[in-house]
Amino acid sequence: MSDIKESDWKVLRKIHKEALERFCKQTLSEVKRTNSDSTKSYHQRYLDLWAILRRRDEEMAQAFDDLRRSKAILQIAVIKRLGLFTENEFSQFSQETRDQVNLILLA
């Protein structure tokens, strides 16, 4: 994977924090729903929460940790797969970057 274009790198750096906030909001909503499911025992809820947090921590690492130009295209693809970009945000990337991301998501 090649380095990202400078203009796309600037877009990613600009919207990275907001996408991370959306991720955290989604995760906390999922945790809240799971924790409030009174049809399950406390133990089962605890196990479910642990599984959610392990999965989401892995997703967070793939999408947001160690932001570097050499990894940016893959991170954009993960962020897009997680539904964390608005249409407007994703459209700010160059056509070349959007095409690369879409190819990754098709694989």
PDB file of N, CA and C in Angstrom:
ATOM      1  N   MET A   1       0.858  -1.178   0.000  1.00  0.00           N
ATOM      2  CA  MET A   1       0.000   0.000   0.000  1.00  0.00           C
ATOM      3  C   MET A   1       0.901   1.237   0.000  1.00  0.00           C
ATOM      4  N   SER A   2       0.643   2.149  -0.909  1.00  0.00           N
ATOM      5  CA  SER A   2       1.465   3.346  -1.008  1.00  0.00           C
ATOM      6  C   SER A   2       0.976   4.424  -0.041  1.00  0.00           C
ATOM      7  N   ASP A   3       1.835   5.392   0.176  1.00  0.00           N
ATOM      8  CA  ASP A   3       1.465   6.508   1.029  1.00  0.00           C
ATOM      9  C   ASP A   3       0.308   7.281   0.415  1.00  0.00           C
ATOM     10  N   ILE A   4      -0.435   7.898   1.252  1.00  0.00           N
ATOM     11  CA  ILE A   4      -1.594   8.674   0.847  1.00  0.00           C
ATOM     12  C   ILE A   4      -1.154  10.043   0.318  1.00  0.00           C
ATOM     13  N   LYS A   5      -1.935  10.594  -0.580  1.00  0.00           N
ATOM     14  CA  LYS A   5      -1.652  11.932  -1.101  1.00  0.00           C
ATOM     15  C   LYS A   5      -1.736  12.950   0.037  1.00  0.00           C
ATOM     16  N   GLU A   6      -0.959  14.001  -0.075  1.00  0.00           N
ATOM     17  CA  GLU A   6      -0.923  15.036   0.972  1.00  0.00           C
ATOM     18  C   GLU A   6      -2.308  15.619   1.240  1.00  0.00           C
ATOM     19  N   SER A   7      -3.059  15.902   0.193  1.00  0.00           N
ATOM     20  CA  SER A   7      -4.384  16.495   0.375  1.00  0.00           C
ATOM     21  C   SER A   7      -5.320  15.541   1.124  1.00  0.00           C
ATOM     22  N   ASP A   8      -5.237  14.247   0.834  1.00  0.00           N
ATOM     23  CA  ASP A   8      -6.070  13.266   1.529  1.00  0.00           C
ATOM     24  C   ASP A   8      -5.606  13.063   2.966  1.00  0.00           C
ATOM     25  N   TRP A   9      -4.304  13.143   3.181  1.00  0.00           N
ATOM     26  CA  TRP A   9      -3.749  13.039   4.532  1.00  0.00           C
ATOM     27  C   TRP A   9      -4.296  14.175   5.405  1.00  0.00           C
ATOM     28  N   LYS A  10      -4.368  15.362   4.834  1.00  0.00           N
ATOM     29  CA  LYS A  10      -4.903  16.513   5.578  1.00  0.00           C
ATOM     30  C   LYS A  10      -6.379  16.307   5.905  1.00  0.00           C
ATOM     31  N   VAL A  11      -7.138  15.747   4.966  1.00  0.00           N
ATOM     32  CA  VAL A  11      -8.558  15.466   5.212  1.00  0.00           C
ATOM     33  C   VAL A  11      -8.686  14.456   6.347  1.00  0.00           C
ATOM     34  N   LEU A  12      -7.920  13.385   6.280  1.00  0.00           N
ATOM     35  CA  LEU A  12      -7.996  12.364   7.326  1.00  0.00           C
ATOM     36  C   LEU A  12      -7.656  12.947   8.687  1.00  0.00           C
ATOM     37  N   ARG A  13      -6.600  13.707   8.765  1.00  0.00           N
ATOM     38  CA  ARG A  13      -6.215  14.292  10.051  1.00  0.00           C
ATOM     39  C   ARG A  13      -7.293  15.236  10.577  1.00  0.00           C
ATOM     40  N   LYS A  14      -7.993  15.896   9.660  1.00  0.00           N
ATOM     41  CA  LYS A  14      -9.043  16.831  10.060  1.00  0.00           C
ATOM     42  C   LYS A  14     -10.262  16.102  10.636  1.00  0.00           C
ATOM     43  N   ILE A  15     -10.637  14.961  10.064  1.00  0.00           N
ATOM     44  CA  ILE A  15     -11.878  14.299  10.482  1.00  0.00           C
ATOM     45  C   ILE A  15     -11.641  13.080  11.373  1.00  0.00           C
ATOM     46  N   HIS A  16     -10.398  12.754  11.623  1.00  0.00           N
ATOM     47  CA  HIS A  16     -10.033  11.594  12.436  1.00  0.00           C
ATOM     48  C   HIS A  16     -10.659  11.648  13.834  1.00  0.00           C
ATOM     49  N   LYS A  17     -10.549  12.773  14.497  1.00  0.00           N
ATOM     50  CA  LYS A  17     -11.048  12.906  15.872  1.00  0.00           C
ATOM     51  C   LYS A  17     -12.566  12.736  15.938  1.00  0.00           C
ATOM     52  N   GLU A  18     -13.269  13.311  14.977  1.00  0.00           N
ATOM     53  CA  GLU A  18     -14.735  13.197  14.959  1.00  0.00           C
ATOM     54  C   GLU A  18     -15.162  11.752  14.708  1.00  0.00           C
ATOM     55  N   ALA A  19     -14.462  11.071  13.819  1.00  0.00           N
ATOM     56  CA  ALA A  19     -14.777   9.660  13.562  1.00  0.00           C
ATOM     57  C   ALA A  19     -14.522   8.818  14.814  1.00  0.00           C
ATOM     58  N   LEU A  20     -13.458   9.127  15.535  1.00  0.00           N
ATOM     59  CA  LEU A  20     -13.171   8.425  16.790  1.00  0.00           C
ATOM     60  C   LEU A  20     -14.271   8.670  17.816  1.00  0.00           C
ATOM     61  N   GLU A  21     -14.751   9.889  17.894  1.00  0.00           N
ATOM     62  CA  GLU A  21     -15.856  10.197  18.812  1.00  0.00           C
ATOM     63  C   GLU A  21     -17.113   9.407  18.437  1.00  0.00           C
ATOM     64  N   ARG A  22     -17.405   9.302  17.147  1.00  0.00           N
ATOM     65  CA  ARG A  22     -18.564   8.508  16.704  1.00  0.00           C
ATOM     66  C   ARG A  22     -18.390   7.045  17.095  1.00  0.00           C
ATOM     67  N   PHE A  23     -17.177   6.535  16.916  1.00  0.00           N
ATOM     68  CA  PHE A  23     -16.893   5.152  17.287  1.00  0.00           C
ATOM     69  C   PHE A  23     -17.159   4.933  18.775  1.00  0.00           C
ATOM     70  N   CYS A  24     -16.642   5.813  19.588  1.00  0.00           N
ATOM     71  CA  CYS A  24     -16.824   5.683  21.037  1.00  0.00           C
ATOM     72  C   CYS A  24     -18.296   5.803  21.413  1.00  0.00           C
ATOM     73  N   LYS A  25     -19.011   6.701  20.782  1.00  0.00           N
ATOM     74  CA  LYS A  25     -20.445   6.852  21.050  1.00  0.00           C
ATOM     75  C   LYS A  25     -21.192   5.571  20.704  1.00  0.00           C
ATOM     76  N   GLN A  26     -20.892   4.991  19.536  1.00  0.00           N
ATOM     77  CA  GLN A  26     -21.528   3.726  19.136  1.00  0.00           C
ATOM     78  C   GLN A  26     -21.216   2.619  20.132  1.00  0.00           C
ATOM     79  N   THR A  27     -19.965   2.541  20.540  1.00  0.00           N
ATOM     80  CA  THR A  27     -19.544   1.500  21.474  1.00  0.00           C
ATOM     81  C   THR A  27     -20.257   1.655  22.809  1.00  0.00           C
ATOM     82  N   LEU A  28     -20.304   2.862  23.315  1.00  0.00           N
ATOM     83  CA  LEU A  28     -20.965   3.087  24.602  1.00  0.00           C
ATOM     84  C   LEU A  28     -22.467   2.826  24.515  1.00  0.00           C
ATOM     85  N   SER A  29     -23.072   3.114  23.382  1.00  0.00           N
ATOM     86  CA  SER A  29     -24.491   2.793  23.191  1.00  0.00           C
ATOM     87  C   SER A  29     -24.707   1.288  23.193  1.00  0.00           C
ATOM     88  N   GLU A  30     -23.807   0.559  22.541  1.00  0.00           N
ATOM     89  CA  GLU A  30     -23.890  -0.899  22.514  1.00  0.00           C
ATOM     90  C   GLU A  30     -23.715  -1.469  23.927  1.00  0.00           C
ATOM     91  N   VAL A  31     -22.788  -0.915  24.667  1.00  0.00           N
ATOM     92  CA  VAL A  31     -22.563  -1.339  26.049  1.00  0.00           C
ATOM     93  C   VAL A  31     -23.805  -1.064  26.892  1.00  0.00           C
ATOM     94  N   LYS A  32     -24.374   0.096  26.713  1.00  0.00           N
ATOM     95  CA  LYS A  32     -25.572   0.459  27.488  1.00  0.00           C
ATOM     96  C   LYS A  32     -26.729  -0.501  27.192  1.00  0.00           C
ATOM     97  N   ARG A  33     -26.961  -0.790  25.909  1.00  0.00           N
ATOM     98  CA  ARG A  33     -28.028  -1.723  25.539  1.00  0.00           C
ATOM     99  C   ARG A  33     -27.789  -3.099  26.151  1.00  0.00           C
ATOM    100  N   THR A  34     -26.565  -3.555  26.072  1.00  0.00           N
ATOM    101  CA  THR A  34     -26.227  -4.879  26.600  1.00  0.00           C
ATOM    102  C   THR A  34     -26.382  -4.917  28.117  1.00  0.00           C
ATOM    103  N   ASN A  35     -25.922  -3.894  28.776  1.00  0.00           N
ATOM    104  CA  ASN A  35     -25.985  -3.843  30.234  1.00  0.00           C
ATOM    105  C   ASN A  35     -27.413  -3.741  30.750  1.00  0.00           C
ATOM    106  N   SER A  36     -28.290  -3.148  29.967  1.00  0.00           N
ATOM    107  CA  SER A  36     -29.664  -2.961  30.427  1.00  0.00           C
ATOM    108  C   SER A  36     -30.602  -4.097  30.012  1.00  0.00           C
ATOM    109  N   ASP A  37     -30.065  -5.147  29.413  1.00  0.00           N
ATOM    110  CA  ASP A  37     -30.877  -6.282  28.978  1.00  0.00           C
ATOM    111  C   ASP A  37     -31.207  -7.169  30.184  1.00  0.00           C
ATOM    112  N   SER A  38     -32.324  -6.884  30.799  1.00  0.00           N
ATOM    113  CA  SER A  38     -32.692  -7.588  32.038  1.00  0.00           C
ATOM    114  C   SER A  38     -33.163  -9.023  31.790  1.00  0.00           C
ATOM    115  N   THR A  39     -33.239  -9.442  30.533  1.00  0.00           N
ATOM    116  CA  THR A  39     -33.594 -10.839  30.261  1.00  0.00           C
ATOM    117  C   THR A  39     -32.401 -11.766  30.479  1.00  0.00           C
ATOM    118  N   LYS A  40     -31.215 -11.179  30.625  1.00  0.00           N
ATOM    119  CA  LYS A  40     -30.002 -11.961  30.830  1.00  0.00           C
ATOM    120  C   LYS A  40     -29.515 -11.785  32.264  1.00  0.00           C
ATOM    121  N   SER A  41     -28.803 -12.792  32.739  1.00  0.00           N
ATOM    122  CA  SER A  41     -28.225 -12.715  34.082  1.00  0.00           C
ATOM    123  C   SER A  41     -27.103 -11.674  34.097  1.00  0.00           C
ATOM    124  N   TYR A  42     -26.747 -11.224  35.277  1.00  0.00           N
ATOM    125  CA  TYR A  42     -25.633 -10.287  35.398  1.00  0.00           C
ATOM    126  C   TYR A  42     -24.347 -10.911  34.859  1.00  0.00           C
ATOM    127  N   HIS A  43     -24.177 -12.187  35.145  1.00  0.00           N
ATOM    128  CA  HIS A  43     -22.979 -12.861  34.647  1.00  0.00           C
ATOM    129  C   HIS A  43     -22.951 -12.880  33.117  1.00  0.00           C
ATOM    130  N   GLN A  44     -24.075 -13.199  32.490  1.00  0.00           N
ATOM    131  CA  GLN A  44     -24.108 -13.220  31.026  1.00  0.00           C
ATOM    132  C   GLN A  44     -23.889 -11.831  30.453  1.00  0.00           C
ATOM    133  N   ARG A  45     -24.462 -10.832  31.084  1.00  0.00           N
ATOM    134  CA  ARG A  45     -24.243  -9.457  30.628  1.00  0.00           C
ATOM    135  C   ARG A  45     -22.765  -9.081  30.730  1.00  0.00           C
ATOM    136  N   TYR A  46     -22.144  -9.484  31.832  1.00  0.00           N
ATOM    137  CA  TYR A  46     -20.720  -9.223  32.013  1.00  0.00           C
ATOM    138  C   TYR A  46     -19.920  -9.886  30.891  1.00  0.00           C
ATOM    139  N   LEU A  47     -20.208 -11.138  30.589  1.00  0.00           N
ATOM    140  CA  LEU A  47     -19.506 -11.839  29.513  1.00  0.00           C
ATOM    141  C   LEU A  47     -19.748 -11.169  28.163  1.00  0.00           C
ATOM    142  N   ASP A  48     -20.981 -10.756  27.929  1.00  0.00           N
ATOM    143  CA  ASP A  48     -21.310 -10.069  26.677  1.00  0.00           C
ATOM    144  C   ASP A  48     -20.559  -8.742  26.568  1.00  0.00           C
ATOM    145  N   LEU A  49     -20.500  -8.009  27.674  1.00  0.00           N
ATOM    146  CA  LEU A  49     -19.784  -6.730  27.675  1.00  0.00           C
ATOM    147  C   LEU A  49     -18.295  -6.936  27.417  1.00  0.00           C
ATOM    148  N   TRP A  50     -17.736  -7.944  28.027  1.00  0.00           N
ATOM    149  CA  TRP A  50     -16.326  -8.247  27.816  1.00  0.00           C
ATOM    150  C   TRP A  50     -16.064  -8.554  26.343  1.00  0.00           C
ATOM    151  N   ALA A  51     -16.933  -9.321  25.723  1.00  0.00           N
ATOM    152  CA  ALA A  51     -16.780  -9.657  24.304  1.00  0.00           C
ATOM    153  C   ALA A  51     -16.899  -8.414  23.432  1.00  0.00           C
ATOM    154  N   ILE A  52     -17.850  -7.565  23.748  1.00  0.00           N
ATOM    155  CA  ILE A  52     -18.023  -6.318  22.985  1.00  0.00           C
ATOM    156  C   ILE A  52     -16.763  -5.472  23.080  1.00  0.00           C
ATOM    157  N   LEU A  53     -16.275  -5.289  24.285  1.00  0.00           N
ATOM    158  CA  LEU A  53     -15.112  -4.421  24.478  1.00  0.00           C
ATOM    159  C   LEU A  53     -13.853  -4.991  23.825  1.00  0.00           C
ATOM    160  N   ARG A  54     -13.678  -6.296  23.842  1.00  0.00           N
ATOM    161  CA  ARG A  54     -12.530  -6.895  23.141  1.00  0.00           C
ATOM    162  C   ARG A  54     -12.629  -6.648  21.640  1.00  0.00           C
ATOM    163  N   ARG A  55     -13.828  -6.893  21.069  1.00  0.00           N
ATOM    164  CA  ARG A  55     -14.028  -6.704  19.624  1.00  0.00           C
ATOM    165  C   ARG A  55     -13.858  -5.236  19.242  1.00  0.00           C
ATOM    166  N   ARG A  56     -14.473  -4.368  20.019  1.00  0.00           N
ATOM    167  CA  ARG A  56     -14.420  -2.950  19.689  1.00  0.00           C
ATOM    168  C   ARG A  56     -13.014  -2.380  19.885  1.00  0.00           C
ATOM    169  N   ASP A  57     -12.279  -2.903  20.863  1.00  0.00           N
ATOM    170  CA  ASP A  57     -10.911  -2.450  21.069  1.00  0.00           C
ATOM    171  C   ASP A  57     -10.051  -2.806  19.863  1.00  0.00           C
ATOM    172  N   GLU A  58     -10.260  -3.984  19.308  1.00  0.00           N
ATOM    173  CA  GLU A  58      -9.519  -4.389  18.114  1.00  0.00           C
ATOM    174  C   GLU A  58      -9.881  -3.497  16.925  1.00  0.00           C
ATOM    175  N   GLU A  59     -11.172  -3.217  16.775  1.00  0.00           N
ATOM    176  CA  GLU A  59     -11.605  -2.317  15.690  1.00  0.00           C
ATOM    177  C   GLU A  59     -11.006  -0.924  15.870  1.00  0.00           C
ATOM    178  N   MET A  60     -11.011  -0.438  17.110  1.00  0.00           N
ATOM    179  CA  MET A  60     -10.464   0.888  17.375  1.00  0.00           C
ATOM    180  C   MET A  60      -8.985   0.942  17.019  1.00  0.00           C
ATOM    181  N   ALA A  61      -8.259  -0.084  17.383  1.00  0.00           N
ATOM    182  CA  ALA A  61      -6.826  -0.127  17.070  1.00  0.00           C
ATOM    183  C   ALA A  61      -6.605  -0.103  15.566  1.00  0.00           C
ATOM    184  N   GLN A  62      -7.361  -0.894  14.818  1.00  0.00           N
ATOM    185  CA  GLN A  62      -7.199  -0.942  13.364  1.00  0.00           C
ATOM    186  C   GLN A  62      -7.515   0.410  12.726  1.00  0.00           C
ATOM    187  N   ALA A  63      -8.534   1.066  13.232  1.00  0.00           N
ATOM    188  CA  ALA A  63      -8.996   2.308  12.615  1.00  0.00           C
ATOM    189  C   ALA A  63      -8.227   3.549  13.063  1.00  0.00           C
ATOM    190  N   PHE A  64      -7.786   3.565  14.311  1.00  0.00           N
ATOM    191  CA  PHE A  64      -7.321   4.840  14.857  1.00  0.00           C
ATOM    192  C   PHE A  64      -5.910   4.856  15.444  1.00  0.00           C
ATOM    193  N   ASP A  65      -5.347   3.715  15.804  1.00  0.00           N
ATOM    194  CA  ASP A  65      -4.030   3.712  16.435  1.00  0.00           C
ATOM    195  C   ASP A  65      -2.925   3.963  15.420  1.00  0.00           C
ATOM    196  N   ASP A  66      -1.884   4.632  15.889  1.00  0.00           N
ATOM    197  CA  ASP A  66      -0.657   4.813  15.109  1.00  0.00           C
ATOM    198  C   ASP A  66      -0.935   5.397  13.726  1.00  0.00           C
ATOM    199  N   LEU A  67      -1.603   6.530  13.706  1.00  0.00           N
ATOM    200  CA  LEU A  67      -1.961   7.192  12.455  1.00  0.00           C
ATOM    201  C   LEU A  67      -0.695   7.615  11.711  1.00  0.00           C
ATOM    202  N   ARG A  68      -0.466   6.968  10.570  1.00  0.00           N
ATOM    203  CA  ARG A  68       0.691   7.266   9.716  1.00  0.00           C
ATOM    204  C   ARG A  68       0.241   7.264   8.263  1.00  0.00           C
ATOM    205  N   ARG A  69       0.942   8.007   7.470  1.00  0.00           N
ATOM    206  CA  ARG A  69       0.589   8.073   6.047  1.00  0.00           C
ATOM    207  C   ARG A  69       0.673   6.707   5.388  1.00  0.00           C
ATOM    208  N   SER A  70       1.621   5.890   5.796  1.00  0.00           N
ATOM    209  CA  SER A  70       1.794   4.585   5.167  1.00  0.00           C
ATOM    210  C   SER A  70       0.637   3.636   5.467  1.00  0.00           C
ATOM    211  N   LYS A  71      -0.118   3.890   6.518  1.00  0.00           N
ATOM    212  CA  LYS A  71      -1.255   3.051   6.896  1.00  0.00           C
ATOM    213  C   LYS A  71      -2.599   3.722   6.628  1.00  0.00           C
ATOM    214  N   ALA A  72      -2.587   4.932   6.150  1.00  0.00           N
ATOM    215  CA  ALA A  72      -3.795   5.749   6.088  1.00  0.00           C
ATOM    216  C   ALA A  72      -4.904   5.149   5.221  1.00  0.00           C
ATOM    217  N   ILE A  73      -4.574   4.621   4.063  1.00  0.00           N
ATOM    218  CA  ILE A  73      -5.608   4.068   3.180  1.00  0.00           C
ATOM    219  C   ILE A  73      -6.339   2.926   3.881  1.00  0.00           C
ATOM    220  N   LEU A  74      -5.572   2.041   4.518  1.00  0.00           N
ATOM    221  CA  LEU A  74      -6.199   0.928   5.238  1.00  0.00           C
ATOM    222  C   LEU A  74      -7.058   1.430   6.398  1.00  0.00           C
ATOM    223  N   GLN A  75      -6.573   2.455   7.103  1.00  0.00           N
ATOM    224  CA  GLN A  75      -7.358   2.994   8.212  1.00  0.00           C
ATOM    225  C   GLN A  75      -8.630   3.670   7.710  1.00  0.00           C
ATOM    226  N   ILE A  76      -8.542   4.362   6.596  1.00  0.00           N
ATOM    227  CA  ILE A  76      -9.744   4.963   6.009  1.00  0.00           C
ATOM    228  C   ILE A  76     -10.741   3.870   5.660  1.00  0.00           C
ATOM    229  N   ALA A  77     -10.254   2.766   5.117  1.00  0.00           N
ATOM    230  CA  ALA A  77     -11.142   1.654   4.757  1.00  0.00           C
ATOM    231  C   ALA A  77     -11.827   1.082   5.999  1.00  0.00           C
ATOM    232  N   VAL A  78     -11.094   0.930   7.076  1.00  0.00           N
ATOM    233  CA  VAL A  78     -11.694   0.408   8.310  1.00  0.00           C
ATOM    234  C   VAL A  78     -12.724   1.391   8.847  1.00  0.00           C
ATOM    235  N   ILE A  79     -12.382   2.661   8.866  1.00  0.00           N
ATOM    236  CA  ILE A  79     -13.313   3.685   9.358  1.00  0.00           C
ATOM    237  C   ILE A  79     -14.583   3.687   8.511  1.00  0.00           C
ATOM    238  N   LYS A  80     -14.427   3.564   7.203  1.00  0.00           N
ATOM    239  CA  LYS A  80     -15.601   3.518   6.316  1.00  0.00           C
ATOM    240  C   LYS A  80     -16.416   2.252   6.565  1.00  0.00           C
ATOM    241  N   ARG A  81     -15.741   1.097   6.696  1.00  0.00           N
ATOM    242  CA  ARG A  81     -16.448  -0.162   6.953  1.00  0.00           C
ATOM    243  C   ARG A  81     -17.255  -0.077   8.246  1.00  0.00           C
ATOM    244  N   LEU A  82     -16.754   0.635   9.215  1.00  0.00           N
ATOM    245  CA  LEU A  82     -17.454   0.798  10.489  1.00  0.00           C
ATOM    246  C   LEU A  82     -18.569   1.844  10.419  1.00  0.00           C
ATOM    247  N   GLY A  83     -18.702   2.500   9.278  1.00  0.00           N
ATOM    248  CA  GLY A  83     -19.771   3.490   9.099  1.00  0.00           C
ATOM    249  C   GLY A  83     -19.543   4.782   9.858  1.00  0.00           C
ATOM    250  N   LEU A  84     -18.289   5.178   9.988  1.00  0.00           N
ATOM    251  CA  LEU A  84     -17.965   6.331  10.822  1.00  0.00           C
ATOM    252  C   LEU A  84     -17.734   7.624  10.046  1.00  0.00           C
ATOM    253  N   PHE A  85     -17.765   7.553   8.726  1.00  0.00           N
ATOM    254  CA  PHE A  85     -17.677   8.762   7.899  1.00  0.00           C
ATOM    255  C   PHE A  85     -19.077   9.163   7.464  1.00  0.00           C
ATOM    256  N   THR A  86     -19.338  10.454   7.431  1.00  0.00           N
ATOM    257  CA  THR A  86     -20.538  10.925   6.754  1.00  0.00           C
ATOM    258  C   THR A  86     -20.239  10.876   5.250  1.00  0.00           C
ATOM    259  N   GLU A  87     -21.278  10.939   4.438  1.00  0.00           N
ATOM    260  CA  GLU A  87     -21.062  10.959   2.989  1.00  0.00           C
ATOM    261  C   GLU A  87     -20.200  12.150   2.601  1.00  0.00           C
ATOM    262  N   ASN A  88     -20.473  13.291   3.218  1.00  0.00           N
ATOM    263  CA  ASN A  88     -19.711  14.504   2.923  1.00  0.00           C
ATOM    264  C   ASN A  88     -18.240  14.335   3.285  1.00  0.00           C
ATOM    265  N   GLU A  89     -17.963  13.737   4.419  1.00  0.00           N
ATOM    266  CA  GLU A  89     -16.571  13.532   4.825  1.00  0.00           C
ATOM    267  C   GLU A  89     -15.844  12.623   3.840  1.00  0.00           C
ATOM    268  N   PHE A  90     -16.452  11.499   3.499  1.00  0.00           N
ATOM    269  CA  PHE A  90     -15.789  10.568   2.583  1.00  0.00           C
ATOM    270  C   PHE A  90     -15.589  11.201   1.212  1.00  0.00           C
ATOM    271  N   SER A  91     -16.518  12.034   0.786  1.00  0.00           N
ATOM    272  CA  SER A  91     -16.398  12.670  -0.533  1.00  0.00           C
ATOM    273  C   SER A  91     -15.267  13.695  -0.587  1.00  0.00           C
ATOM    274  N   GLN A  92     -14.727  14.089   0.557  1.00  0.00           N
ATOM    275  CA  GLN A  92     -13.608  15.039   0.578  1.00  0.00           C
ATOM    276  C   GLN A  92     -12.290  14.390   0.144  1.00  0.00           C
ATOM    277  N   PHE A  93     -12.218  13.064   0.190  1.00  0.00           N
ATOM    278  CA  PHE A  93     -11.018  12.380  -0.272  1.00  0.00           C
ATOM    279  C   PHE A  93     -11.003  12.381  -1.801  1.00  0.00           C
ATOM    280  N   SER A  94      -9.812  12.301  -2.351  1.00  0.00           N
ATOM    281  CA  SER A  94      -9.688  12.270  -3.812  1.00  0.00           C
ATOM    282  C   SER A  94     -10.357  11.020  -4.369  1.00  0.00           C
ATOM    283  N   GLN A  95     -10.691  11.069  -5.654  1.00  0.00           N
ATOM    284  CA  GLN A  95     -11.293   9.910  -6.301  1.00  0.00           C
ATOM    285  C   GLN A  95     -10.357   8.707  -6.227  1.00  0.00           C
ATOM    286  N   GLU A  96      -9.078   8.950  -6.359  1.00  0.00           N
ATOM    287  CA  GLU A  96      -8.087   7.876  -6.287  1.00  0.00           C
ATOM    288  C   GLU A  96      -8.147   7.166  -4.926  1.00  0.00           C
ATOM    289  N   THR A  97      -8.201   7.926  -3.871  1.00  0.00           N
ATOM    290  CA  THR A  97      -8.265   7.338  -2.528  1.00  0.00           C
ATOM    291  C   THR A  97      -9.588   6.623  -2.318  1.00  0.00           C
ATOM    292  N   ARG A  98     -10.678   7.229  -2.750  1.00  0.00           N
ATOM    293  CA  ARG A  98     -11.993   6.578  -2.603  1.00  0.00           C
ATOM    294  C   ARG A  98     -12.012   5.256  -3.368  1.00  0.00           C
ATOM    295  N   ASP A  99     -11.433   5.248  -4.565  1.00  0.00           N
ATOM    296  CA  ASP A  99     -11.377   4.012  -5.353  1.00  0.00           C
ATOM    297  C   ASP A  99     -10.550   2.936  -4.644  1.00  0.00           C
ATOM    298  N   GLN A 100      -9.394   3.315  -4.098  1.00  0.00           N
ATOM    299  CA  GLN A 100      -8.565   2.354  -3.374  1.00  0.00           C
ATOM    300  C   GLN A 100      -9.307   1.787  -2.169  1.00  0.00           C
ATOM    301  N   VAL A 101      -9.971   2.653  -1.430  1.00  0.00           N
ATOM    302  CA  VAL A 101     -10.727   2.224  -0.250  1.00  0.00           C
ATOM    303  C   VAL A 101     -11.846   1.264  -0.665  1.00  0.00           C
ATOM    304  N   ASN A 102     -12.574   1.608  -1.715  1.00  0.00           N
ATOM    305  CA  ASN A 102     -13.663   0.755  -2.157  1.00  0.00           C
ATOM    306  C   ASN A 102     -13.169  -0.601  -2.644  1.00  0.00           C
ATOM    307  N   LEU A 103     -12.002  -0.653  -3.269  1.00  0.00           N
ATOM    308  CA  LEU A 103     -11.416  -1.929  -3.677  1.00  0.00           C
ATOM    309  C   LEU A 103     -11.071  -2.781  -2.450  1.00  0.00           C
ATOM    310  N   ILE A 104     -10.524  -2.157  -1.440  1.00  0.00           N
ATOM    311  CA  ILE A 104     -10.194  -2.877  -0.201  1.00  0.00           C
ATOM    312  C   ILE A 104     -11.462  -3.438   0.413  1.00  0.00           C
ATOM    313  N   LEU A 105     -12.515  -2.654   0.410  1.00  0.00           N
ATOM    314  CA  LEU A 105     -13.774  -3.095   1.046  1.00  0.00           C
ATOM    315  C   LEU A 105     -14.469  -4.196   0.254  1.00  0.00           C
ATOM    316  N   LEU A 106     -14.180  -4.302  -1.038  1.00  0.00           N
ATOM    317  CA  LEU A 106     -14.765  -5.354  -1.849  1.00  0.00           C
ATOM    318  C   LEU A 106     -14.050  -6.688  -1.667  1.00  0.00           C
ATOM    319  N   ALA A 107     -12.804  -6.608  -1.220  1.00  0.00           N
ATOM    320  CA  ALA A 107     -11.995  -7.838  -1.074  1.00  0.00           C
ATOM    321  C   ALA A 107     -12.470  -8.712   0.051  1.00  0.00           C
TER     322      ALA A 107
END
